[in-house]
């Protein structure tokens, strides 16, 4: 169903497309948004916060991951090494 338009009161979005490059990055992400963005689980996210590797702030009861801290955290992770197939 890609390309099917969705209309909300203030915007027009085509499903299956990405936001433009002019959209500013948010200050922070909720835990759920962070889990989607980073592909990390809830336990790993809270462990990274507890270890001080990921900065979080509170807004009332809501915990927000600071976007800049999240970017630094992801960039600090070790690079993946993918083993290639050996020739027979």
PDB file of N, CA and C in Angstrom:
ATOM      1  N   UNK A   1       0.811  -1.197   0.000  1.00  0.00           N
ATOM      2  CA  UNK A   1       0.000   0.000   0.000  1.00  0.00           C
ATOM      3  C   UNK A   1       0.848   1.251   0.000  1.00  0.00           C
ATOM      4  N   UNK A   2       2.064   1.139  -0.473  1.00  0.00           N
ATOM      5  CA  UNK A   2       2.937   2.307  -0.523  1.00  0.00           C
ATOM      6  C   UNK A   2       2.368   3.316  -1.507  1.00  0.00           C
ATOM      7  N   UNK A   3       2.544   4.575  -1.174  1.00  0.00           N
ATOM      8  CA  UNK A   3       2.084   5.626  -2.054  1.00  0.00           C
ATOM      9  C   UNK A   3       0.652   6.060  -1.801  1.00  0.00           C
ATOM     10  N   UNK A   4      -0.057   5.347  -0.926  1.00  0.00           N
ATOM     11  CA  UNK A   4      -1.427   5.734  -0.619  1.00  0.00           C
ATOM     12  C   UNK A   4      -1.401   6.959   0.288  1.00  0.00           C
ATOM     13  N   UNK A   5      -2.091   8.007  -0.075  1.00  0.00           N
ATOM     14  CA  UNK A   5      -2.031   9.232   0.738  1.00  0.00           C
ATOM     15  C   UNK A   5      -2.767   9.084   2.060  1.00  0.00           C
ATOM     16  N   UNK A   6      -2.258   9.754   3.062  1.00  0.00           N
ATOM     17  CA  UNK A   6      -2.899   9.839   4.360  1.00  0.00           C
ATOM     18  C   UNK A   6      -3.035  11.313   4.691  1.00  0.00           C
ATOM     19  N   UNK A   7      -4.215  11.736   5.034  1.00  0.00           N
ATOM     20  CA  UNK A   7      -4.422  13.141   5.323  1.00  0.00           C
ATOM     21  C   UNK A   7      -4.725  13.320   6.803  1.00  0.00           C
ATOM     22  N   UNK A   8      -3.919  14.176   7.425  1.00  0.00           N
ATOM     23  CA  UNK A   8      -4.206  14.587   8.791  1.00  0.00           C
ATOM     24  C   UNK A   8      -4.620  16.053   8.737  1.00  0.00           C
ATOM     25  N   UNK A   9      -5.128  16.597   9.817  1.00  0.00           N
ATOM     26  CA  UNK A   9      -5.617  17.988   9.774  1.00  0.00           C
ATOM     27  C   UNK A   9      -4.584  19.014   9.331  1.00  0.00           C
ATOM     28  N   UNK A  10      -3.286  18.806   9.664  1.00  0.00           N
ATOM     29  CA  UNK A  10      -2.312  19.849   9.349  1.00  0.00           C
ATOM     30  C   UNK A  10      -1.257  19.444   8.331  1.00  0.00           C
ATOM     31  N   UNK A  11      -1.210  18.183   7.931  1.00  0.00           N
ATOM     32  CA  UNK A  11      -0.170  17.758   7.006  1.00  0.00           C
ATOM     33  C   UNK A  11      -0.718  16.791   5.983  1.00  0.00           C
ATOM     34  N   UNK A  12       0.032  16.607   4.931  1.00  0.00           N
ATOM     35  CA  UNK A  12      -0.292  15.611   3.922  1.00  0.00           C
ATOM     36  C   UNK A  12       0.922  14.728   3.775  1.00  0.00           C
ATOM     37  N   UNK A  13       0.769  13.451   4.066  1.00  0.00           N
ATOM     38  CA  UNK A  13       1.889  12.512   4.080  1.00  0.00           C
ATOM     39  C   UNK A  13       1.588  11.398   3.101  1.00  0.00           C
ATOM     40  N   UNK A  14       2.577  11.021   2.312  1.00  0.00           N
ATOM     41  CA  UNK A  14       2.437   9.859   1.451  1.00  0.00           C
ATOM     42  C   UNK A  14       3.106   8.698   2.178  1.00  0.00           C
ATOM     43  N   UNK A  15       2.328   7.670   2.484  1.00  0.00           N
ATOM     44  CA  UNK A  15       2.869   6.534   3.211  1.00  0.00           C
ATOM     45  C   UNK A  15       3.961   5.871   2.390  1.00  0.00           C
ATOM     46  N   UNK A  16       5.010   5.422   3.082  1.00  0.00           N
ATOM     47  CA  UNK A  16       6.122   4.775   2.402  1.00  0.00           C
ATOM     48  C   UNK A  16       7.215   5.746   1.999  1.00  0.00           C
ATOM     49  N   UNK A  17       7.055   7.031   2.321  1.00  0.00           N
ATOM     50  CA  UNK A  17       8.094   8.010   2.016  1.00  0.00           C
ATOM     51  C   UNK A  17       8.737   8.457   3.321  1.00  0.00           C
ATOM     52  N   UNK A  18       9.865   9.132   3.229  1.00  0.00           N
ATOM     53  CA  UNK A  18      10.540   9.634   4.409  1.00  0.00           C
ATOM     54  C   UNK A  18      10.308  11.129   4.529  1.00  0.00           C
ATOM     55  N   UNK A  19      10.552  11.647   5.729  1.00  0.00           N
ATOM     56  CA  UNK A  19      10.403  13.077   5.951  1.00  0.00           C
ATOM     57  C   UNK A  19      11.527  13.801   5.229  1.00  0.00           C
ATOM     58  N   UNK A  20      11.310  15.041   4.905  1.00  0.00           N
ATOM     59  CA  UNK A  20      12.323  15.801   4.171  1.00  0.00           C
ATOM     60  C   UNK A  20      13.535  16.086   5.047  1.00  0.00           C
ATOM     61  N   UNK A  21      14.628  16.436   4.405  1.00  0.00           N
ATOM     62  CA  UNK A  21      15.862  16.729   5.126  1.00  0.00           C
ATOM     63  C   UNK A  21      15.760  18.018   5.930  1.00  0.00           C
ATOM     64  N   UNK A  22      14.751  18.827   5.674  1.00  0.00           N
ATOM     65  CA  UNK A  22      14.610  20.087   6.387  1.00  0.00           C
ATOM     66  C   UNK A  22      13.903  19.913   7.719  1.00  0.00           C
ATOM     67  N   UNK A  23      13.367  18.743   8.004  1.00  0.00           N
ATOM     68  CA  UNK A  23      12.699  18.503   9.271  1.00  0.00           C
ATOM     69  C   UNK A  23      13.755  18.421  10.365  1.00  0.00           C
ATOM     70  N   UNK A  24      13.649  19.268  11.390  1.00  0.00           N
ATOM     71  CA  UNK A  24      14.669  19.248  12.436  1.00  0.00           C
ATOM     72  C   UNK A  24      14.588  17.967  13.263  1.00  0.00           C
ATOM     73  N   UNK A  25      15.738  17.530  13.751  1.00  0.00           N
ATOM     74  CA  UNK A  25      15.770  16.357  14.621  1.00  0.00           C
ATOM     75  C   UNK A  25      15.148  16.741  15.959  1.00  0.00           C
ATOM     76  N   UNK A  26      14.368  15.859  16.555  1.00  0.00           N
ATOM     77  CA  UNK A  26      13.772  16.186  17.853  1.00  0.00           C
ATOM     78  C   UNK A  26      14.842  16.268  18.933  1.00  0.00           C
ATOM     79  N   UNK A  27      14.531  16.988  20.006  1.00  0.00           N
ATOM     80  CA  UNK A  27      15.454  17.099  21.136  1.00  0.00           C
ATOM     81  C   UNK A  27      15.658  15.743  21.786  1.00  0.00           C
ATOM     82  N   UNK A  28      14.595  14.970  21.873  1.00  0.00           N
ATOM     83  CA  UNK A  28      14.698  13.685  22.540  1.00  0.00           C
ATOM     84  C   UNK A  28      13.666  12.700  22.023  1.00  0.00           C
ATOM     85  N   UNK A  29      13.847  11.459  22.435  1.00  0.00           N
ATOM     86  CA  UNK A  29      12.957  10.376  22.032  1.00  0.00           C
ATOM     87  C   UNK A  29      12.379   9.722  23.278  1.00  0.00           C
ATOM     88  N   UNK A  30      11.118   9.347  23.231  1.00  0.00           N
ATOM     89  CA  UNK A  30      10.572   8.538  24.303  1.00  0.00           C
ATOM     90  C   UNK A  30      11.287   7.186  24.264  1.00  0.00           C
ATOM     91  N   UNK A  31      11.134   6.410  25.304  1.00  0.00           N
ATOM     92  CA  UNK A  31      11.775   5.091  25.334  1.00  0.00           C
ATOM     93  C   UNK A  31      11.292   4.261  24.152  1.00  0.00           C
ATOM     94  N   UNK A  32      10.003   4.296  23.881  1.00  0.00           N
ATOM     95  CA  UNK A  32       9.458   3.513  22.766  1.00  0.00           C
ATOM     96  C   UNK A  32      10.028   3.996  21.429  1.00  0.00           C
ATOM     97  N   UNK A  33      10.089   5.320  21.225  1.00  0.00           N
ATOM     98  CA  UNK A  33      10.660   5.860  19.985  1.00  0.00           C
ATOM     99  C   UNK A  33      12.132   5.466  19.856  1.00  0.00           C
ATOM    100  N   UNK A  34      12.874   5.520  20.970  1.00  0.00           N
ATOM    101  CA  UNK A  34      14.281   5.148  20.950  1.00  0.00           C
ATOM    102  C   UNK A  34      14.448   3.676  20.592  1.00  0.00           C
ATOM    103  N   UNK A  35      13.599   2.829  21.146  1.00  0.00           N
ATOM    104  CA  UNK A  35      13.679   1.399  20.860  1.00  0.00           C
ATOM    105  C   UNK A  35      13.466   1.147  19.369  1.00  0.00           C
ATOM    106  N   UNK A  36      12.545   1.870  18.757  1.00  0.00           N
ATOM    107  CA  UNK A  36      12.292   1.725  17.319  1.00  0.00           C
ATOM    108  C   UNK A  36      13.482   2.252  16.523  1.00  0.00           C
ATOM    109  N   UNK A  37      13.985   3.423  16.902  1.00  0.00           N
ATOM    110  CA  UNK A  37      15.078   4.061  16.163  1.00  0.00           C
ATOM    111  C   UNK A  37      16.370   3.265  16.257  1.00  0.00           C
ATOM    112  N   UNK A  38      16.673   2.754  17.443  1.00  0.00           N
ATOM    113  CA  UNK A  38      17.970   2.111  17.672  1.00  0.00           C
ATOM    114  C   UNK A  38      17.923   0.593  17.548  1.00  0.00           C
ATOM    115  N   UNK A  39      16.737   0.028  17.512  1.00  0.00           N
ATOM    116  CA  UNK A  39      16.556  -1.428  17.503  1.00  0.00           C
ATOM    117  C   UNK A  39      17.103  -2.062  18.779  1.00  0.00           C
ATOM    118  N   UNK A  40      17.071  -1.305  19.872  1.00  0.00           N
ATOM    119  CA  UNK A  40      17.484  -1.830  21.172  1.00  0.00           C
ATOM    120  C   UNK A  40      16.238  -2.207  21.952  1.00  0.00           C
ATOM    121  N   UNK A  41      16.379  -3.152  22.844  1.00  0.00           N
ATOM    122  CA  UNK A  41      15.275  -3.532  23.711  1.00  0.00           C
ATOM    123  C   UNK A  41      15.158  -2.590  24.895  1.00  0.00           C
ATOM    124  N   UNK A  42      14.058  -2.700  25.611  1.00  0.00           N
ATOM    125  CA  UNK A  42      13.803  -1.850  26.778  1.00  0.00           C
ATOM    126  C   UNK A  42      14.867  -2.070  27.864  1.00  0.00           C
ATOM    127  N   UNK A  43      15.200  -3.337  28.153  1.00  0.00           N
ATOM    128  CA  UNK A  43      16.172  -3.634  29.202  1.00  0.00           C
ATOM    129  C   UNK A  43      17.542  -3.073  28.850  1.00  0.00           C
ATOM    130  N   UNK A  44      17.985  -3.259  27.610  1.00  0.00           N
ATOM    131  CA  UNK A  44      19.288  -2.736  27.176  1.00  0.00           C
ATOM    132  C   UNK A  44      19.299  -1.212  27.221  1.00  0.00           C
ATOM    133  N   UNK A  45      18.184  -0.583  26.876  1.00  0.00           N
ATOM    134  CA  UNK A  45      18.089   0.882  26.917  1.00  0.00           C
ATOM    135  C   UNK A  45      18.250   1.383  28.338  1.00  0.00           C
ATOM    136  N   UNK A  46      17.493   0.798  29.278  1.00  0.00           N
ATOM    137  CA  UNK A  46      17.596   1.241  30.672  1.00  0.00           C
ATOM    138  C   UNK A  46      18.966   0.903  31.269  1.00  0.00           C
ATOM    139  N   UNK A  47      19.594  -0.190  30.826  1.00  0.00           N
ATOM    140  CA  UNK A  47      20.942  -0.526  31.301  1.00  0.00           C
ATOM    141  C   UNK A  47      21.938   0.526  30.827  1.00  0.00           C
ATOM    142  N   UNK A  48      21.815   0.977  29.582  1.00  0.00           N
ATOM    143  CA  UNK A  48      22.709   2.013  29.048  1.00  0.00           C
ATOM    144  C   UNK A  48      22.504   3.331  29.789  1.00  0.00           C
ATOM    145  N   UNK A  49      21.266   3.627  30.169  1.00  0.00           N
ATOM    146  CA  UNK A  49      20.995   4.840  30.957  1.00  0.00           C
ATOM    147  C   UNK A  49      21.638   4.705  32.335  1.00  0.00           C
ATOM    148  N   UNK A  50      21.453   3.544  32.987  1.00  0.00           N
ATOM    149  CA  UNK A  50      22.004   3.322  34.328  1.00  0.00           C
ATOM    150  C   UNK A  50      23.525   3.381  34.328  1.00  0.00           C
ATOM    151  N   UNK A  51      24.152   2.886  33.247  1.00  0.00           N
ATOM    152  CA  UNK A  51      25.615   2.904  33.139  1.00  0.00           C
ATOM    153  C   UNK A  51      26.162   4.283  32.791  1.00  0.00           C
ATOM    154  N   UNK A  52      25.291   5.218  32.434  1.00  0.00           N
ATOM    155  CA  UNK A  52      25.733   6.558  32.061  1.00  0.00           C
ATOM    156  C   UNK A  52      26.167   6.665  30.612  1.00  0.00           C
ATOM    157  N   UNK A  53      25.949   5.612  29.825  1.00  0.00           N
ATOM    158  CA  UNK A  53      26.339   5.650  28.408  1.00  0.00           C
ATOM    159  C   UNK A  53      25.291   6.342  27.558  1.00  0.00           C
ATOM    160  N   UNK A  54      24.085   6.478  28.080  1.00  0.00           N
ATOM    161  CA  UNK A  54      22.971   7.088  27.368  1.00  0.00           C
ATOM    162  C   UNK A  54      22.319   8.085  28.314  1.00  0.00           C
ATOM    163  N   UNK A  55      22.184   9.335  27.871  1.00  0.00           N
ATOM    164  CA  UNK A  55      21.632  10.391  28.719  1.00  0.00           C
ATOM    165  C   UNK A  55      20.122  10.464  28.562  1.00  0.00           C
ATOM    166  N   UNK A  56      19.450  10.483  29.689  1.00  0.00           N
ATOM    167  CA  UNK A  56      17.991  10.590  29.685  1.00  0.00           C
ATOM    168  C   UNK A  56      17.564  11.708  30.635  1.00  0.00           C
ATOM    169  N   UNK A  57      16.442  12.337  30.316  1.00  0.00           N
ATOM    170  CA  UNK A  57      15.863  13.374  31.157  1.00  0.00           C
ATOM    171  C   UNK A  57      14.413  12.994  31.431  1.00  0.00           C
ATOM    172  N   UNK A  58      13.839  13.598  32.443  1.00  0.00           N
ATOM    173  CA  UNK A  58      12.445  13.336  32.782  1.00  0.00           C
ATOM    174  C   UNK A  58      11.601  14.560  32.478  1.00  0.00           C
ATOM    175  N   UNK A  59      10.428  14.338  31.927  1.00  0.00           N
ATOM    176  CA  UNK A  59       9.420  15.367  31.731  1.00  0.00           C
ATOM    177  C   UNK A  59       8.158  14.808  32.370  1.00  0.00           C
ATOM    178  N   UNK A  60       7.959  15.170  33.637  1.00  0.00           N
ATOM    179  CA  UNK A  60       6.881  14.550  34.391  1.00  0.00           C
ATOM    180  C   UNK A  60       7.225  13.084  34.602  1.00  0.00           C
ATOM    181  N   UNK A  61       6.338  12.182  34.195  1.00  0.00           N
ATOM    182  CA  UNK A  61       6.598  10.748  34.309  1.00  0.00           C
ATOM    183  C   UNK A  61       7.326  10.192  33.089  1.00  0.00           C
ATOM    184  N   UNK A  62       7.376  10.975  32.032  1.00  0.00           N
ATOM    185  CA  UNK A  62       7.953  10.499  30.768  1.00  0.00           C
ATOM    186  C   UNK A  62       9.467  10.621  30.779  1.00  0.00           C
ATOM    187  N   UNK A  63      10.136   9.545  30.369  1.00  0.00           N
ATOM    188  CA  UNK A  63      11.587   9.536  30.221  1.00  0.00           C
ATOM    189  C   UNK A  63      11.920   9.781  28.756  1.00  0.00           C
ATOM    190  N   UNK A  64      12.813  10.744  28.520  1.00  0.00           N
ATOM    191  CA  UNK A  64      13.234  11.060  27.156  1.00  0.00           C
ATOM    192  C   UNK A  64      14.730  10.816  27.016  1.00  0.00           C
ATOM    193  N   UNK A  65      15.110  10.155  25.935  1.00  0.00           N
ATOM    194  CA  UNK A  65      16.515   9.973  25.594  1.00  0.00           C
ATOM    195  C   UNK A  65      16.945  11.221  24.832  1.00  0.00           C
ATOM    196  N   UNK A  66      17.988  11.900  25.298  1.00  0.00           N
ATOM    197  CA  UNK A  66      18.483  13.095  24.627  1.00  0.00           C
ATOM    198  C   UNK A  66      19.052  12.664  23.266  1.00  0.00           C
ATOM    199  N   UNK A  67      18.549  13.272  22.194  1.00  0.00           N
ATOM    200  CA  UNK A  67      18.902  12.852  20.832  1.00  0.00           C
ATOM    201  C   UNK A  67      20.414  12.900  20.593  1.00  0.00           C
ATOM    202  N   UNK A  68      21.072  13.965  21.010  1.00  0.00           N
ATOM    203  CA  UNK A  68      22.519  14.083  20.790  1.00  0.00           C
ATOM    204  C   UNK A  68      23.266  12.965  21.517  1.00  0.00           C
ATOM    205  N   UNK A  69      22.827  12.645  22.722  1.00  0.00           N
ATOM    206  CA  UNK A  69      23.439  11.561  23.478  1.00  0.00           C
ATOM    207  C   UNK A  69      23.191  10.217  22.794  1.00  0.00           C
ATOM    208  N   UNK A  70      22.003  10.034  22.271  1.00  0.00           N
ATOM    209  CA  UNK A  70      21.683   8.801  21.556  1.00  0.00           C
ATOM    210  C   UNK A  70      22.536   8.624  20.322  1.00  0.00           C
ATOM    211  N   UNK A  71      22.749   9.718  19.596  1.00  0.00           N
ATOM    212  CA  UNK A  71      23.606   9.656  18.409  1.00  0.00           C
ATOM    213  C   UNK A  71      25.043   9.291  18.789  1.00  0.00           C
ATOM    214  N   UNK A  72      25.563   9.927  19.858  1.00  0.00           N
ATOM    215  CA  UNK A  72      26.914   9.618  20.321  1.00  0.00           C
ATOM    216  C   UNK A  72      27.015   8.159  20.751  1.00  0.00           C
ATOM    217  N   UNK A  73      25.979   7.677  21.441  1.00  0.00           N
ATOM    218  CA  UNK A  73      25.963   6.290  21.901  1.00  0.00           C
ATOM    219  C   UNK A  73      26.038   5.329  20.719  1.00  0.00           C
ATOM    220  N   UNK A  74      25.202   5.554  19.711  1.00  0.00           N
ATOM    221  CA  UNK A  74      25.209   4.667  18.546  1.00  0.00           C
ATOM    222  C   UNK A  74      26.532   4.727  17.800  1.00  0.00           C
ATOM    223  N   UNK A  75      27.112   5.929  17.691  1.00  0.00           N
ATOM    224  CA  UNK A  75      28.385   6.078  16.997  1.00  0.00           C
ATOM    225  C   UNK A  75      29.541   5.451  17.774  1.00  0.00           C
ATOM    226  N   UNK A  76      29.391   5.293  19.090  1.00  0.00           N
ATOM    227  CA  UNK A  76      30.462   4.724  19.910  1.00  0.00           C
ATOM    228  C   UNK A  76      30.466   3.196  19.900  1.00  0.00           C
ATOM    229  N   UNK A  77      29.414   2.597  19.387  1.00  0.00           N
ATOM    230  CA  UNK A  77      29.345   1.139  19.352  1.00  0.00           C
ATOM    231  C   UNK A  77      30.389   0.591  18.390  1.00  0.00           C
ATOM    232  N   UNK A  78      30.930  -0.592  18.683  1.00  0.00           N
ATOM    233  CA  UNK A  78      31.944  -1.161  17.781  1.00  0.00           C
ATOM    234  C   UNK A  78      31.346  -1.498  16.425  1.00  0.00           C
ATOM    235  N   UNK A  79      32.159  -1.369  15.410  1.00  0.00           N
ATOM    236  CA  UNK A  79      31.733  -1.687  14.053  1.00  0.00           C
ATOM    237  C   UNK A  79      31.525  -3.185  13.920  1.00  0.00           C
ATOM    238  N   UNK A  80      30.523  -3.562  13.168  1.00  0.00           N
ATOM    239  CA  UNK A  80      30.236  -4.972  12.932  1.00  0.00           C
ATOM    240  C   UNK A  80      31.245  -5.541  11.948  1.00  0.00           C
ATOM    241  N   UNK A  81      31.693  -6.738  12.216  1.00  0.00           N
ATOM    242  CA  UNK A  81      32.595  -7.441  11.313  1.00  0.00           C
ATOM    243  C   UNK A  81      31.818  -8.624  10.757  1.00  0.00           C
ATOM    244  N   UNK A  82      31.573  -8.588   9.484  1.00  0.00           N
ATOM    245  CA  UNK A  82      30.810  -9.636   8.824  1.00  0.00           C
ATOM    246  C   UNK A  82      31.793 -10.545   8.085  1.00  0.00           C
ATOM    247  N   UNK A  83      31.789 -11.795   8.464  1.00  0.00           N
ATOM    248  CA  UNK A  83      32.703 -12.752   7.837  1.00  0.00           C
ATOM    249  C   UNK A  83      32.143 -13.134   6.469  1.00  0.00           C
ATOM    250  N   UNK A  84      33.016 -13.062   5.459  1.00  0.00           N
ATOM    251  CA  UNK A  84      32.604 -13.435   4.113  1.00  0.00           C
ATOM    252  C   UNK A  84      32.665 -14.942   3.927  1.00  0.00           C
ATOM    253  N   UNK A  85      32.022 -15.427   2.898  1.00  0.00           N
ATOM    254  CA  UNK A  85      32.062 -16.857   2.590  1.00  0.00           C
ATOM    255  C   UNK A  85      33.439 -17.199   2.043  1.00  0.00           C
ATOM    256  N   UNK A  86      33.949 -18.324   2.459  1.00  0.00           N
ATOM    257  CA  UNK A  86      35.258 -18.765   1.973  1.00  0.00           C
ATOM    258  C   UNK A  86      35.061 -19.506   0.654  1.00  0.00           C
ATOM    259  N   UNK A  87      36.013 -19.321  -0.236  1.00  0.00           N
ATOM    260  CA  UNK A  87      35.959 -20.024  -1.535  1.00  0.00           C
ATOM    261  C   UNK A  87      36.231 -21.503  -1.318  1.00  0.00           C
ATOM    262  N   UNK A  88      35.538 -22.342  -2.072  1.00  0.00           N
ATOM    263  CA  UNK A  88      35.700 -23.795  -1.911  1.00  0.00           C
ATOM    264  C   UNK A  88      36.961 -24.296  -2.555  1.00  0.00           C
TER     265      UNK A  88
END
